[in-house]
Protein backbone atom coordinates (compact mmCIF):
# COMPACT_ATOMS: atom_id res chain seq x y z
CA UNK A 1 -9.73 9.92 -24.63
CA UNK A 2 -13.33 9.19 -23.68
CA UNK A 3 -15.73 9.43 -26.62
CA UNK A 4 -18.19 11.88 -25.09
CA UNK A 5 -20.79 11.32 -27.77
CA UNK A 6 -20.69 7.56 -27.34
CA UNK A 7 -20.44 7.75 -23.59
CA UNK A 8 -23.20 10.31 -23.23
CA UNK A 9 -23.74 12.89 -20.52
CA UNK A 10 -27.17 11.87 -19.25
CA UNK A 11 -26.44 9.10 -16.76
CA UNK A 12 -29.83 9.23 -15.09
CA UNK A 13 -30.99 5.81 -16.26
CA UNK A 14 -30.65 3.89 -13.07
CA UNK A 15 -28.98 0.52 -13.34
CA UNK A 16 -30.58 -2.18 -11.21
CA UNK A 17 -29.17 -5.26 -12.90
CA UNK A 18 -26.54 -6.17 -10.31
CA UNK A 19 -26.10 -6.25 -6.58
CA UNK A 20 -25.28 -2.70 -5.35
CA UNK A 21 -23.73 -4.21 -2.26
CA UNK A 22 -21.01 -6.01 -4.21
CA UNK A 23 -17.44 -4.98 -3.36
CA UNK A 24 -16.23 -1.90 -5.18
CA UNK A 25 -12.74 -0.80 -6.13
CA UNK A 26 -10.25 0.68 -3.71
CA UNK A 27 -7.28 2.99 -4.21
CA UNK A 28 -5.83 2.47 -0.73
CA UNK A 29 -5.13 -1.14 0.29
CA UNK A 30 -6.38 -2.37 3.63
CA UNK A 31 -3.93 -2.55 6.53
CA UNK A 32 -3.47 -6.32 6.11
CA UNK A 33 -2.08 -5.76 2.62
CA UNK A 34 0.81 -3.59 3.83
CA UNK A 35 4.16 -4.81 5.12
CA UNK A 36 5.98 -3.10 7.97
CA UNK A 37 9.25 -4.68 6.82
CA UNK A 38 9.27 -2.41 3.77
CA UNK A 39 11.09 0.80 4.59
CA UNK A 40 13.74 3.25 3.54
CA UNK A 41 16.02 0.87 1.59
CA UNK A 42 13.18 -0.39 -0.60
CA UNK A 43 11.92 3.18 -1.10
CA UNK A 44 15.33 4.35 -2.26
CA UNK A 45 15.70 1.36 -4.56
CA UNK A 46 12.32 2.05 -6.22
CA UNK A 47 13.31 5.67 -6.88
CA UNK A 48 16.70 4.64 -8.29
CA UNK A 49 15.01 2.25 -10.75
CA UNK A 50 12.47 4.90 -11.69
CA UNK A 51 15.25 7.43 -12.37
CA UNK A 52 16.88 4.89 -14.68
CA UNK A 53 13.85 4.64 -16.98
CA UNK A 54 14.63 5.71 -20.54
CA UNK A 55 12.03 8.45 -20.19
CA UNK A 56 11.53 8.96 -16.43
CA UNK A 57 8.04 9.81 -15.26
CA UNK A 58 7.26 13.36 -14.19
CA UNK A 59 6.81 13.90 -10.46
CA UNK A 60 3.78 14.75 -8.39
CA UNK A 61 4.15 15.91 -4.80
CA UNK A 62 1.59 15.61 -2.03
CA UNK A 63 2.21 17.80 1.02
CA UNK A 64 0.29 17.01 4.20
CA UNK A 65 -0.41 19.85 6.64
CA UNK A 66 -2.42 18.17 9.40
CA UNK A 67 -3.32 21.04 11.73
CA UNK A 68 -6.83 22.30 12.52
CA UNK A 69 -8.18 24.87 14.94
CA UNK A 70 -11.27 22.84 15.86
CA UNK A 71 -12.39 19.21 15.69
CA UNK A 72 -14.94 18.30 13.01
CA UNK A 73 -16.68 15.14 14.19
CA UNK A 74 -17.11 13.63 10.72
CA UNK A 75 -13.49 13.94 9.57
CA UNK A 76 -11.50 10.75 8.90
CA UNK A 77 -8.22 12.37 7.86
CA UNK A 78 -4.92 12.31 9.70
CA UNK A 79 -5.12 15.57 11.64
CA UNK A 80 -3.90 17.37 14.75
CA UNK A 81 -6.21 19.84 16.50
CA UNK A 82 -4.09 22.46 18.24
CA UNK A 83 -3.74 26.16 19.01
CA UNK A 84 -0.03 25.65 19.72
CA UNK A 85 1.76 27.71 17.10
CA UNK A 86 5.16 26.46 18.25
CA UNK A 87 4.11 22.91 17.38
CA UNK A 88 3.11 24.03 13.89
CA UNK A 89 6.39 25.90 13.39
CA UNK A 90 8.37 22.81 14.45
CA UNK A 91 6.39 20.67 12.00
CA UNK A 92 7.15 23.07 9.15
CA UNK A 93 10.86 22.80 9.94
CA UNK A 94 10.59 19.00 9.98
CA UNK A 95 8.76 19.03 6.65
CA UNK A 96 11.53 21.13 5.09
CA UNK A 97 14.10 18.67 6.44
CA UNK A 98 12.16 15.76 4.95
CA UNK A 99 11.79 17.33 1.49
CA UNK A 100 15.49 18.27 1.45
CA UNK A 101 16.50 14.72 2.31
CA UNK A 102 14.22 13.06 -0.24
CA UNK A 103 14.73 15.52 -3.10
CA UNK A 104 18.34 14.35 -3.62
CA UNK A 105 17.04 10.86 -4.45
CA UNK A 106 15.33 12.11 -7.63
CA UNK A 107 17.09 13.22 -10.79
CA UNK A 108 16.75 17.00 -11.11
CA UNK A 109 15.35 16.79 -14.64
CA UNK A 110 12.14 15.22 -13.32
CA UNK A 111 9.70 18.13 -13.39
CA UNK A 112 7.05 18.52 -10.69
CA UNK A 113 4.00 19.11 -12.86
CA UNK A 114 1.49 18.32 -10.13
CA UNK A 115 1.37 19.51 -6.51
CA UNK A 116 -1.41 18.94 -4.02
CA UNK A 117 -1.49 20.32 -0.49
CA UNK A 118 -4.00 18.71 1.85
CA UNK A 119 -4.79 18.50 5.52
CA UNK A 120 -6.00 19.11 8.08
CA UNK A 121 -6.51 22.76 7.22
CA UNK A 122 -3.54 23.90 5.08
CA UNK A 123 -4.32 27.61 5.36
CA UNK A 124 -4.29 27.29 9.16
CA UNK A 125 -0.58 27.86 8.58
CA UNK A 126 0.39 31.52 8.31
CA UNK A 127 1.09 32.86 4.79
CA UNK A 128 4.77 33.19 5.67
CA UNK A 129 4.94 29.48 6.56
CA UNK A 130 3.29 28.53 3.24
CA UNK A 131 5.83 30.78 1.47
CA UNK A 132 8.68 29.10 3.35
CA UNK A 133 7.48 25.65 2.25
CA UNK A 134 7.03 26.71 -1.37
CA UNK A 135 10.47 28.35 -1.46
CA UNK A 136 12.05 25.14 -0.22
CA UNK A 137 10.10 23.05 -2.71
CA UNK A 138 11.42 25.23 -5.53
CA UNK A 139 14.95 25.04 -4.15
CA UNK A 140 14.90 21.26 -3.96
CA UNK A 141 12.77 20.29 -6.97
CA UNK A 142 12.29 21.42 -10.56
CA UNK A 143 8.94 23.21 -10.42
CA UNK A 144 7.66 25.12 -13.47
CA UNK A 145 5.74 28.35 -13.19
CA UNK A 146 4.32 28.10 -16.71
CA UNK A 147 0.86 26.88 -17.64
CA UNK A 148 1.81 23.20 -17.75
CA UNK A 149 1.16 22.51 -14.08
CA UNK A 150 -1.63 21.48 -11.71
CA UNK A 151 -0.99 22.98 -8.27
CA UNK A 152 -3.95 22.46 -5.98
CA UNK A 153 -4.68 23.08 -2.30
CA UNK A 154 -7.55 22.26 0.04
CA UNK A 155 -9.30 25.33 1.47
CA UNK A 156 -11.50 25.71 4.53
CA UNK A 157 -13.92 28.56 3.75
CA UNK A 158 -14.38 29.26 7.46
CA UNK A 159 -10.85 30.58 7.90
CA UNK A 160 -9.31 31.48 4.54
CA UNK A 161 -8.48 35.15 4.00
CA UNK A 162 -7.90 37.36 0.98
CA UNK A 163 -4.21 37.49 1.91
CA UNK A 164 -4.04 33.67 2.01
CA UNK A 165 -5.47 33.38 -1.49
CA UNK A 166 -3.28 36.11 -2.97
CA UNK A 167 -0.25 34.40 -1.48
CA UNK A 168 -1.27 31.03 -2.93
CA UNK A 169 -1.78 32.53 -6.39
CA UNK A 170 1.62 34.23 -6.22
CA UNK A 171 3.23 30.86 -5.50
CA UNK A 172 1.66 29.30 -8.59
CA UNK A 173 -1.43 27.55 -7.22
CA UNK A 174 -4.01 27.42 -10.00
CA UNK A 175 -6.65 25.18 -8.41
CA UNK A 176 -8.32 25.16 -5.00
CA UNK A 177 -10.84 22.77 -3.50
CA UNK A 178 -13.24 23.95 -0.83
CA UNK A 179 -14.60 21.51 1.72
CA UNK A 180 -18.33 22.24 1.89
CA UNK A 181 -19.98 19.91 4.36
CA UNK A 182 -23.67 20.05 3.60
CA UNK A 183 -24.35 23.83 3.90
CA UNK A 184 -27.27 23.45 6.30
CA UNK A 185 -27.25 24.62 9.89
CA UNK A 186 -28.69 21.43 11.39
CA UNK A 187 -26.05 19.27 9.69
CA UNK A 188 -23.22 21.63 10.59
CA UNK A 189 -24.19 21.53 14.26
CA UNK A 190 -24.26 17.72 14.18
CA UNK A 191 -20.64 17.58 12.96
CA UNK A 192 -19.34 20.61 14.91
CA UNK A 193 -18.57 22.60 11.77
CA UNK A 194 -20.46 25.89 11.63
CA UNK A 195 -20.03 27.36 8.14
CA UNK A 196 -22.08 30.16 6.61
CA UNK A 197 -23.19 30.68 3.03
CA UNK A 198 -21.34 34.02 3.14
CA UNK A 199 -18.04 32.29 4.02
CA UNK A 200 -18.38 29.88 1.08
CA UNK A 201 -19.20 32.66 -1.37
CA UNK A 202 -16.38 34.82 -0.02
CA UNK A 203 -13.81 32.05 -0.46
CA UNK A 204 -14.92 31.33 -4.04
CA UNK A 205 -15.09 35.00 -5.07
CA UNK A 206 -11.74 35.91 -3.52
CA UNK A 207 -10.08 32.86 -5.11
CA UNK A 208 -11.16 34.15 -8.51
CA UNK A 209 -10.14 37.70 -7.65
CA UNK A 210 -6.66 36.36 -6.84
CA UNK A 211 -6.47 34.74 -10.28
CA UNK A 212 -7.31 31.17 -9.22
CA UNK A 213 -10.14 30.37 -11.63
CA UNK A 214 -10.29 26.63 -11.02
CA UNK A 215 -12.41 26.45 -7.89
CA UNK A 216 -13.67 22.98 -7.00
CA UNK A 217 -15.82 21.95 -4.07
CA UNK A 218 -16.15 18.78 -2.07
CA UNK A 219 -19.83 18.38 -1.16
CA UNK A 220 -20.50 15.68 1.40
CA UNK A 221 -23.76 13.77 1.60
CA UNK A 222 -25.09 11.16 4.01
CA UNK A 223 -24.11 13.36 6.96
CA UNK A 224 -25.84 13.12 10.33
CA UNK A 225 -29.17 15.01 10.43
CA UNK A 226 -29.02 15.52 6.65
CA UNK A 227 -32.23 14.79 4.76
CA UNK A 228 -32.76 14.40 1.04
CA UNK A 229 -34.46 17.79 0.89
CA UNK A 230 -31.66 19.51 2.81
CA UNK A 231 -28.99 17.97 0.57
CA UNK A 232 -30.79 19.03 -2.62
CA UNK A 233 -31.40 22.56 -1.35
CA UNK A 234 -27.79 22.94 -0.22
CA UNK A 235 -26.35 21.77 -3.54
CA UNK A 236 -28.65 24.07 -5.51
CA UNK A 237 -27.51 26.94 -3.31
CA UNK A 238 -23.88 26.01 -3.88
CA UNK A 239 -24.20 25.77 -7.65
CA UNK A 240 -25.20 29.43 -7.90
CA UNK A 241 -21.51 30.18 -7.25
CA UNK A 242 -20.50 28.25 -10.42
CA UNK A 243 -17.71 25.97 -9.16
CA UNK A 244 -15.58 24.42 -11.92
CA UNK A 245 -15.90 20.94 -10.40
CA UNK A 246 -17.89 19.18 -7.70
CA UNK A 247 -16.98 16.01 -5.87
CA UNK A 248 -19.89 14.22 -4.18
CA UNK A 249 -18.27 12.49 -1.22
CA UNK A 250 -20.25 10.04 0.89
CA UNK A 251 -19.83 10.32 4.64
CA UNK A 252 -18.29 7.11 5.99
CA UNK A 253 -19.19 6.41 9.61
CA UNK A 254 -16.43 4.31 11.13
CA UNK A 255 -15.97 5.30 14.79
CA UNK A 256 -13.77 2.25 15.47
CA UNK A 257 -11.04 3.82 13.33
CA UNK A 258 -12.05 7.49 13.64
CA UNK A 259 -12.62 8.22 17.34
CA UNK A 260 -14.10 11.70 16.75
CA UNK A 261 -17.04 10.05 15.01
CA UNK A 262 -18.08 8.57 18.37
CA UNK A 263 -19.44 12.07 19.06
CA UNK A 264 -21.92 11.63 16.20
CA UNK A 265 -25.22 10.09 17.43
CA UNK A 266 -25.87 7.13 15.13
CA UNK A 267 -29.61 7.84 15.37
CA UNK A 268 -28.98 10.95 13.25
CA UNK A 269 -27.44 9.02 10.35
CA UNK A 270 -29.63 8.68 7.24
CA UNK A 271 -30.58 5.15 6.21
CA UNK A 272 -28.80 3.46 3.30
CA UNK A 273 -31.74 3.91 0.93
CA UNK A 274 -31.85 7.63 1.76
CA UNK A 275 -28.12 7.95 1.09
CA UNK A 276 -28.56 6.27 -2.29
CA UNK A 277 -31.48 8.56 -3.09
CA UNK A 278 -29.32 11.55 -2.13
CA UNK A 279 -26.58 10.56 -4.54
CA UNK A 280 -29.01 10.02 -7.43
CA UNK A 281 -30.81 13.31 -6.80
CA UNK A 282 -27.56 15.28 -6.42
CA UNK A 283 -26.09 13.64 -9.51
CA UNK A 284 -29.17 14.56 -11.55
CA UNK A 285 -29.04 18.13 -10.30
CA UNK A 286 -25.41 18.44 -11.42
CA UNK A 287 -26.15 16.98 -14.83
CA UNK A 288 -29.06 19.37 -15.29
CA UNK A 289 -26.68 22.23 -14.44
CA UNK A 290 -24.31 21.20 -17.25
CA UNK A 291 -21.69 19.23 -15.33
CA UNK A 292 -20.02 16.21 -16.91
CA UNK A 293 -19.80 12.96 -14.94
CA UNK A 294 -16.07 12.14 -14.87
CA UNK A 295 -16.09 9.24 -12.43
CA UNK A 296 -17.84 7.63 -9.48
CA UNK A 297 -18.09 10.86 -7.48
CA UNK A 298 -16.55 13.60 -9.64
CA UNK A 299 -18.32 16.14 -11.88
CA UNK A 300 -16.81 19.00 -13.85
CA UNK A 301 -17.92 21.76 -16.19
CA UNK A 302 -16.81 21.58 -19.84
CA UNK A 303 -13.46 23.34 -20.34
CA UNK A 304 -12.53 23.02 -16.67
CA UNK A 305 -9.08 21.68 -15.86
CA UNK A 306 -10.31 18.20 -14.91
CA UNK A 307 -12.61 17.96 -17.94
CA UNK A 308 -9.77 18.95 -20.28
CA UNK A 309 -7.44 16.47 -18.56
CA UNK A 310 -9.90 13.71 -19.33
CA UNK A 311 -10.08 14.72 -22.99
CA UNK A 312 -6.28 14.75 -23.33
CA UNK A 313 -5.81 11.45 -21.48
CA UNK A 314 -3.94 12.99 -18.53
CA UNK A 315 -6.72 12.51 -15.96
CA UNK A 316 -5.76 10.22 -13.07
CA UNK A 317 -7.55 9.09 -9.93
CA UNK A 318 -5.58 8.53 -6.77
CA UNK A 319 -6.26 8.51 -3.05
CA UNK A 320 -6.95 12.25 -2.88
CA UNK A 321 -9.28 12.37 -5.87
CA UNK A 322 -8.87 13.24 -9.54
CA UNK A 323 -5.93 15.21 -10.91
CA UNK A 324 -4.16 15.73 -14.21
CA UNK A 325 -1.07 13.66 -13.38
CA UNK A 326 -1.55 10.35 -15.18
CA UNK A 327 1.67 8.38 -15.35
CA UNK A 328 3.46 10.37 -12.64
CA UNK A 329 5.41 9.07 -9.68
CA UNK A 330 4.09 10.67 -6.50
CA UNK A 331 6.18 11.72 -3.52
CA UNK A 332 4.24 12.13 -0.29
CA UNK A 333 5.73 14.49 2.29
CA UNK A 334 4.53 14.93 5.85
CA UNK A 335 2.57 13.07 8.48
CA UNK A 336 0.95 9.85 7.13
CA UNK A 337 1.73 10.89 3.54
CA UNK A 338 1.72 8.13 0.93
CA UNK A 339 4.27 7.92 -1.90
CA UNK A 340 3.63 5.95 -5.06
CA UNK A 341 6.78 5.06 -7.01
CA UNK A 342 6.25 2.84 -10.06
CA UNK A 343 2.97 1.57 -8.48
CA UNK A 344 4.74 0.67 -5.20
CA UNK A 345 3.24 2.34 -2.12
CA UNK A 346 5.08 3.72 0.91
CA UNK A 347 3.50 5.46 3.91
CA UNK A 348 5.02 7.78 6.48
CA UNK A 349 4.39 7.45 10.22
CA UNK A 350 0.89 8.46 11.29
CA UNK A 351 1.85 9.72 14.79
CA UNK A 352 3.34 13.20 14.76
CA UNK A 353 5.98 12.45 17.43
CA UNK A 354 7.18 9.32 15.62
CA UNK A 355 7.25 11.14 12.28
CA UNK A 356 9.21 14.08 13.68
CA UNK A 357 11.71 11.88 15.52
CA UNK A 358 12.38 9.78 12.41
CA UNK A 359 13.14 12.84 10.29
CA UNK A 360 15.25 14.40 13.06
CA UNK A 361 17.33 11.20 13.17
CA UNK A 362 17.98 11.44 9.42
CA UNK A 363 15.50 8.74 8.42
CA UNK A 364 12.70 8.75 5.89
CA UNK A 365 9.77 8.30 8.36
CA UNK A 366 8.45 5.47 6.17
CA UNK A 367 6.87 2.81 8.38
CA UNK A 368 5.20 0.48 5.90
CA UNK A 369 4.87 -0.29 2.21
CA UNK A 370 3.23 -2.38 -0.43
CA UNK A 371 5.10 -3.67 -3.46
CA UNK A 372 3.16 -3.98 -6.69
CA UNK A 373 3.53 -7.21 -8.61
CA UNK A 374 2.90 -7.77 -12.33
CA UNK A 375 -0.72 -8.63 -11.67
CA UNK A 376 -1.39 -5.36 -9.87
CA UNK A 377 0.34 -3.35 -12.60
CA UNK A 378 -1.83 -5.06 -15.19
CA UNK A 379 -4.97 -4.38 -13.16
CA UNK A 380 -3.98 -0.78 -12.47
CA UNK A 381 -3.86 0.17 -16.14
CA UNK A 382 -7.38 -1.19 -16.72
CA UNK A 383 -8.73 0.47 -13.58
CA UNK A 384 -7.30 3.89 -14.48
CA UNK A 385 -8.52 3.64 -18.09
CA UNK A 386 -12.08 2.75 -17.08
CA UNK A 387 -12.14 5.15 -14.17
CA UNK A 388 -10.76 8.17 -16.01
CA UNK A 389 -11.66 7.56 -19.66
CA UNK A 390 -14.75 5.37 -19.45
CA UNK A 391 -13.24 2.75 -21.75
CA UNK A 392 -10.36 0.31 -22.00
CA UNK A 393 -8.48 -0.47 -25.20
CA UNK A 394 -7.54 -4.16 -25.08
CA UNK A 395 -4.92 -3.84 -27.82
CA UNK A 396 -3.12 -1.04 -25.98
CA UNK A 397 -3.08 -3.15 -22.82
CA UNK A 398 -1.74 -6.16 -24.76
CA UNK A 399 1.02 -3.99 -26.23
CA UNK A 400 2.10 -3.12 -22.69
CA UNK A 401 1.80 -6.52 -21.03
CA UNK A 402 2.35 -8.95 -23.94
CA UNK A 403 -0.55 -11.25 -23.01
CA UNK A 404 -4.03 -11.88 -24.44
CA UNK A 405 -6.40 -9.54 -22.59
CA UNK A 406 -9.47 -11.82 -22.63
CA UNK A 407 -7.50 -14.78 -21.33
CA UNK A 408 -5.72 -12.81 -18.60
CA UNK A 409 -8.92 -11.22 -17.31
CA UNK A 410 -11.27 -14.16 -17.92
CA UNK A 411 -12.59 -14.17 -14.34
CA UNK A 412 -13.22 -10.43 -14.41
CA UNK A 413 -14.97 -10.62 -17.77
CA UNK A 414 -17.18 -13.43 -16.49
CA UNK A 415 -18.24 -11.20 -13.59
CA UNK A 416 -18.97 -8.38 -16.02
CA UNK A 417 -21.47 -10.39 -18.07
CA UNK A 418 -24.34 -9.43 -15.77
CA UNK A 419 -23.49 -5.76 -16.19
CA UNK A 420 -23.32 -6.19 -19.98
CA UNK A 421 -26.70 -7.91 -20.14
CA UNK A 422 -28.20 -5.09 -18.07
CA UNK A 423 -26.85 -2.43 -20.45
CA UNK A 424 -24.31 -0.97 -18.05
CA UNK A 425 -21.25 -1.78 -20.17
CA UNK A 426 -20.42 -2.88 -23.70
CA UNK A 427 -18.03 -5.83 -24.00
CA UNK A 428 -16.68 -5.23 -27.50
CA UNK A 429 -14.02 -7.37 -29.22
CA UNK A 430 -11.32 -4.72 -28.72
CA UNK A 431 -12.80 -2.46 -26.06
CA UNK A 432 -14.71 -2.36 -22.79
CA UNK A 433 -16.94 0.70 -22.70
CA UNK A 434 -18.85 2.06 -19.71
CA UNK A 435 -22.36 3.01 -20.85
CA UNK A 436 -24.41 5.77 -19.18
CA UNK A 437 -26.46 3.45 -16.92
CA UNK A 438 -23.26 1.89 -15.62
CA UNK A 439 -21.82 5.12 -14.23
CA UNK A 440 -23.81 4.81 -11.01
CA UNK A 441 -22.11 1.44 -10.41
CA UNK A 442 -18.73 2.32 -11.89
CA UNK A 443 -16.84 1.51 -8.69
CA UNK A 444 -18.31 -2.01 -8.63
CA UNK A 445 -17.63 -2.60 -12.32
CA UNK A 446 -14.01 -1.55 -11.87
CA UNK A 447 -13.78 -3.66 -8.72
CA UNK A 448 -14.14 -6.75 -10.90
CA UNK A 449 -10.59 -6.12 -12.14
CA UNK A 450 -8.92 -5.72 -8.77
CA UNK A 451 -7.14 -8.47 -6.93
CA UNK A 452 -8.82 -9.78 -3.79
CA UNK A 453 -5.54 -10.81 -2.17
């Protein structure tokens, strides 16, 4: 558990002791690090070994619903813009077939304590389709309805209805995350995402009315046509709704890999120094409002689900953000979904026709994977500890990996000396502790422990 008193909550001292352009950490390996020879047989073998553990890990499930009604120019997710309801219905059937086929690989006593549904726009599906998916999840997996669960779904405030939210609450969802992209008209027009203040407030209020108290928001900065003043004003406006958590997500402009971003005029993009100033100003505003800094881009109010997960040691950071599923295996279902079984990664097909055909033929739809070696397992424990708890216990790591910590990570510790001299971290005999000034550069500090291969 992070020592909040030692760690501190005021992270506004800016750390300038190291190069801010140094490589940071990554949770999703680059394409060159994946192998397309890793498929269904390896996936099944990893699950079989995981089932055989003396105390098998709990399960997390990620469900990808890729459909959207309109194209948002900034979005870099795997999505399908369509008004074809027959296509959506066929995808739901395929998803049920996939979950039925993969559920039998896992021992039934492995409880699904964490569920996340992302997109796309998940609530673009009709409530009956969401109910159909949830019914099949409960049929095929052991899913509790008690308080010991974290069931979260992404919400688009432009389209969510009261009926949608009541249906989600009935099916056990206890956390929602709203995508709020800047909340200023000029920015929304630049990314083709018109979204009113009324729609955001409606979605938050109706979530709470339905019994979903954990309402988080994803607030994006660095968007085209967004200025520092607009970003600050928009966040202040958003905070009057009292979200339980806020994720500050930087817009990443990469039109070579995200064709829709070619519709964004690059002349509208804020300069790098303005983006940095945005993050610092937004971070300070959140701290002043009483939010705790959990990680590189995540803030949460005391006693929120994510804050409590950090205090109990169950906070984890994965590709989709923070959740309370530390130590879980994760099964990804749907288009482009990623599974993580005992640190091994497996990804489904990213083209909807190829995904659907593979499932129809009785396959797994897995098209590539990445097998974790001992080095990556060793690095992963340090990364998660620093990322989620703000400290790493060397003795605990040595108990797990049976090697001297300082010797194993000598190169990483050498790189950290500059951060230590600048007051960003404390390199103690038995611990590495992130200090308040180091939080701004946490991703780069953690990156020192990741393999470059």
